[in-house]
Amino acid sequence: MTDKKWWTSNFPSQYCAFATDRTLGGYPIAGLANLDIYSSEPAWLTASTTVVALTQAEWLSIVPVDLIIKDGKVQTYVAPVSTDAETSSVTAATAATASTTS
């Protein structure tokens, strides 16, 4: 007979991501936890903690850089793109207009 792990009663997986109190781009930064390393439920893991269950394959493939929780999933944050080309073309057009109206 195997002992039942404490986390099996409240969590769907031993691997999880959880929402921290920090944000990136307006989304909570994800912390990562292997619940199996704790002998009992840690104090920081409360009923109000947003938790996203991860499979072992997901756990093993995560690159822990700029992780956020968005739409109930762990995702890598990608900043909105603003190109210099857009700014340059607007600046060039403004400069051309200014020189022809002077």
C-alpha atoms as a PDB file:
ATOM      1  CA  MET A   1       0.000   0.000   0.000  1.00  0.00           C
ATOM      2  CA  THR A   2       1.328   3.457  -0.878  1.00  0.00           C
ATOM      3  CA  ASP A   3       0.860   6.522   1.257  1.00  0.00           C
ATOM      4  CA  LYS A   4      -1.465   9.127  -0.164  1.00  0.00           C
ATOM      5  CA  LYS A   5       0.345  12.412  -0.762  1.00  0.00           C
ATOM      6  CA  TRP A   6      -1.099  15.438   1.055  1.00  0.00           C
ATOM      7  CA  TRP A   7      -1.563  17.416  -2.170  1.00  0.00           C
ATOM      8  CA  THR A   8      -3.786  14.814  -3.876  1.00  0.00           C
ATOM      9  CA  SER A   9      -6.772  15.954  -1.807  1.00  0.00           C
ATOM     10  CA  ASN A  10      -6.684  19.587  -2.911  1.00  0.00           C
ATOM     11  CA  PHE A  11      -4.601  19.783  -6.086  1.00  0.00           C
ATOM     12  CA  PRO A  12      -4.912  17.986  -9.418  1.00  0.00           C
ATOM     13  CA  SER A  13      -1.162  17.681  -9.955  1.00  0.00           C
ATOM     14  CA  GLN A  14       2.079  17.629  -7.995  1.00  0.00           C
ATOM     15  CA  TYR A  15       3.444  20.272 -10.398  1.00  0.00           C
ATOM     16  CA  CYS A  16       1.859  23.685 -10.441  1.00  0.00           C
ATOM     17  CA  ALA A  17       2.291  27.314 -11.284  1.00  0.00           C
ATOM     18  CA  PHE A  18       0.864  29.889  -8.932  1.00  0.00           C
ATOM     19  CA  ALA A  19       0.142  33.585  -9.201  1.00  0.00           C
ATOM     20  CA  THR A  20       2.570  35.766  -7.279  1.00  0.00           C
ATOM     21  CA  ASP A  21       1.816  39.294  -6.095  1.00  0.00           C
ATOM     22  CA  ARG A  22       4.104  40.757  -8.789  1.00  0.00           C
ATOM     23  CA  THR A  23       2.982  41.562 -12.321  1.00  0.00           C
ATOM     24  CA  LEU A  24       4.492  41.822 -15.781  1.00  0.00           C
ATOM     25  CA  GLY A  25       2.520  43.616 -18.477  1.00  0.00           C
ATOM     26  CA  GLY A  26      -0.465  43.653 -16.120  1.00  0.00           C
ATOM     27  CA  TYR A  27      -0.468  39.856 -15.634  1.00  0.00           C
ATOM     28  CA  PRO A  28       0.587  38.008 -12.473  1.00  0.00           C
ATOM     29  CA  ILE A  29       4.088  36.577 -12.634  1.00  0.00           C
ATOM     30  CA  ALA A  30       4.007  32.809 -12.201  1.00  0.00           C
ATOM     31  CA  GLY A  31       5.877  30.992  -9.489  1.00  0.00           C
ATOM     32  CA  LEU A  32       6.559  27.277  -9.907  1.00  0.00           C
ATOM     33  CA  ALA A  33       6.274  24.501  -7.339  1.00  0.00           C
ATOM     34  CA  ASN A  34       6.721  20.754  -7.149  1.00  0.00           C
ATOM     35  CA  LEU A  35       4.300  20.061  -4.299  1.00  0.00           C
ATOM     36  CA  ASP A  36       5.840  16.656  -3.690  1.00  0.00           C
ATOM     37  CA  ILE A  37       8.892  18.228  -2.045  1.00  0.00           C
ATOM     38  CA  TYR A  38       6.749  19.519   0.834  1.00  0.00           C
ATOM     39  CA  SER A  39       5.827  17.122   3.632  1.00  0.00           C
ATOM     40  CA  SER A  40       2.620  19.107   4.222  1.00  0.00           C
ATOM     41  CA  GLU A  41       0.809  22.043   2.668  1.00  0.00           C
ATOM     42  CA  PRO A  42       3.091  25.106   2.837  1.00  0.00           C
ATOM     43  CA  ALA A  43       1.768  28.230   4.568  1.00  0.00           C
ATOM     44  CA  TRP A  44       2.137  30.340   1.417  1.00  0.00           C
ATOM     45  CA  LEU A  45      -0.284  28.075  -0.481  1.00  0.00           C
ATOM     46  CA  THR A  46      -3.735  29.163   0.616  1.00  0.00           C
ATOM     47  CA  ALA A  47      -7.247  28.576  -0.696  1.00  0.00           C
ATOM     48  CA  SER A  48      -7.113  31.992  -2.386  1.00  0.00           C
ATOM     49  CA  THR A  49      -3.882  31.236  -4.289  1.00  0.00           C
ATOM     50  CA  THR A  50      -4.465  31.008  -8.047  1.00  0.00           C
ATOM     51  CA  VAL A  51      -2.968  27.656  -9.078  1.00  0.00           C
ATOM     52  CA  VAL A  52      -2.515  26.222 -12.574  1.00  0.00           C
ATOM     53  CA  ALA A  53      -1.893  22.466 -12.694  1.00  0.00           C
ATOM     54  CA  LEU A  54       0.990  21.326 -14.894  1.00  0.00           C
ATOM     55  CA  THR A  55       1.667  17.901 -16.344  1.00  0.00           C
ATOM     56  CA  GLN A  56       5.092  16.376 -15.838  1.00  0.00           C
ATOM     57  CA  ALA A  57       5.874  17.067 -19.510  1.00  0.00           C
ATOM     58  CA  GLU A  58       4.914  20.743 -19.091  1.00  0.00           C
ATOM     59  CA  TRP A  59       6.952  20.945 -15.884  1.00  0.00           C
ATOM     60  CA  LEU A  60      10.037  19.525 -17.559  1.00  0.00           C
ATOM     61  CA  SER A  61       9.738  21.787 -20.613  1.00  0.00           C
ATOM     62  CA  ILE A  62       9.247  25.130 -18.835  1.00  0.00           C
ATOM     63  CA  VAL A  63      11.882  27.784 -19.336  1.00  0.00           C
ATOM     64  CA  PRO A  64      11.445  29.876 -16.188  1.00  0.00           C
ATOM     65  CA  VAL A  65      11.848  33.330 -17.741  1.00  0.00           C
ATOM     66  CA  ASP A  66       9.089  35.964 -17.889  1.00  0.00           C
ATOM     67  CA  LEU A  67       6.326  33.489 -17.001  1.00  0.00           C
ATOM     68  CA  ILE A  68       2.863  34.926 -16.450  1.00  0.00           C
ATOM     69  CA  ILE A  69      -0.563  33.495 -15.793  1.00  0.00           C
ATOM     70  CA  LYS A  70      -2.998  34.608 -18.475  1.00  0.00           C
ATOM     71  CA  ASP A  71      -6.371  33.105 -19.339  1.00  0.00           C
ATOM     72  CA  GLY A  72      -5.839  30.346 -16.759  1.00  0.00           C
ATOM     73  CA  LYS A  73      -2.618  29.152 -18.395  1.00  0.00           C
ATOM     74  CA  VAL A  74       1.102  29.607 -17.861  1.00  0.00           C
ATOM     75  CA  GLN A  75       2.562  31.619 -20.724  1.00  0.00           C
ATOM     76  CA  THR A  76       5.781  33.404 -21.553  1.00  0.00           C
ATOM     77  CA  TYR A  77       5.192  37.152 -21.529  1.00  0.00           C
ATOM     78  CA  VAL A  78       5.778  38.826 -24.869  1.00  0.00           C
ATOM     79  CA  ALA A  79       5.900  42.618 -24.733  1.00  0.00           C
ATOM     80  CA  PRO A  80       3.794  44.548 -27.235  1.00  0.00           C
ATOM     81  CA  VAL A  81       5.840  45.309 -30.345  1.00  0.00           C
ATOM     82  CA  SER A  82       6.649  48.884 -31.266  1.00  0.00           C
ATOM     83  CA  THR A  83       8.994  49.222 -34.185  1.00  0.00           C
ATOM     84  CA  ASP A  84      11.398  52.052 -34.894  1.00  0.00           C
ATOM     85  CA  ALA A  85      10.350  51.833 -38.561  1.00  0.00           C
ATOM     86  CA  GLU A  86       6.839  52.996 -37.670  1.00  0.00           C
ATOM     87  CA  THR A  87       8.231  55.907 -35.674  1.00  0.00           C
ATOM     88  CA  SER A  88      10.782  56.745 -38.376  1.00  0.00           C
ATOM     89  CA  SER A  89       8.196  56.793 -41.168  1.00  0.00           C
ATOM     90  CA  VAL A  90       5.911  59.080 -39.168  1.00  0.00           C
ATOM     91  CA  THR A  91       8.852  61.357 -38.346  1.00  0.00           C
ATOM     92  CA  ALA A  92       9.995  61.387 -41.997  1.00  0.00           C
ATOM     93  CA  ALA A  93       6.490  62.165 -43.218  1.00  0.00           C
ATOM     94  CA  THR A  94       6.164  64.986 -40.691  1.00  0.00           C
ATOM     95  CA  ALA A  95       9.552  66.390 -41.694  1.00  0.00           C
ATOM     96  CA  ALA A  96       8.653  66.205 -45.420  1.00  0.00           C
ATOM     97  CA  THR A  97       5.368  67.985 -44.813  1.00  0.00           C
ATOM     98  CA  ALA A  98       7.114  70.666 -42.763  1.00  0.00           C
ATOM     99  CA  SER A  99       9.729  71.301 -45.458  1.00  0.00           C
ATOM    100  CA  THR A 100       7.155  71.635 -48.250  1.00  0.00           C
ATOM    101  CA  THR A 101       4.973  74.015 -46.270  1.00  0.00           C
ATOM    102  CA  SER A 102       7.816  76.299 -45.153  1.00  0.00           C
END
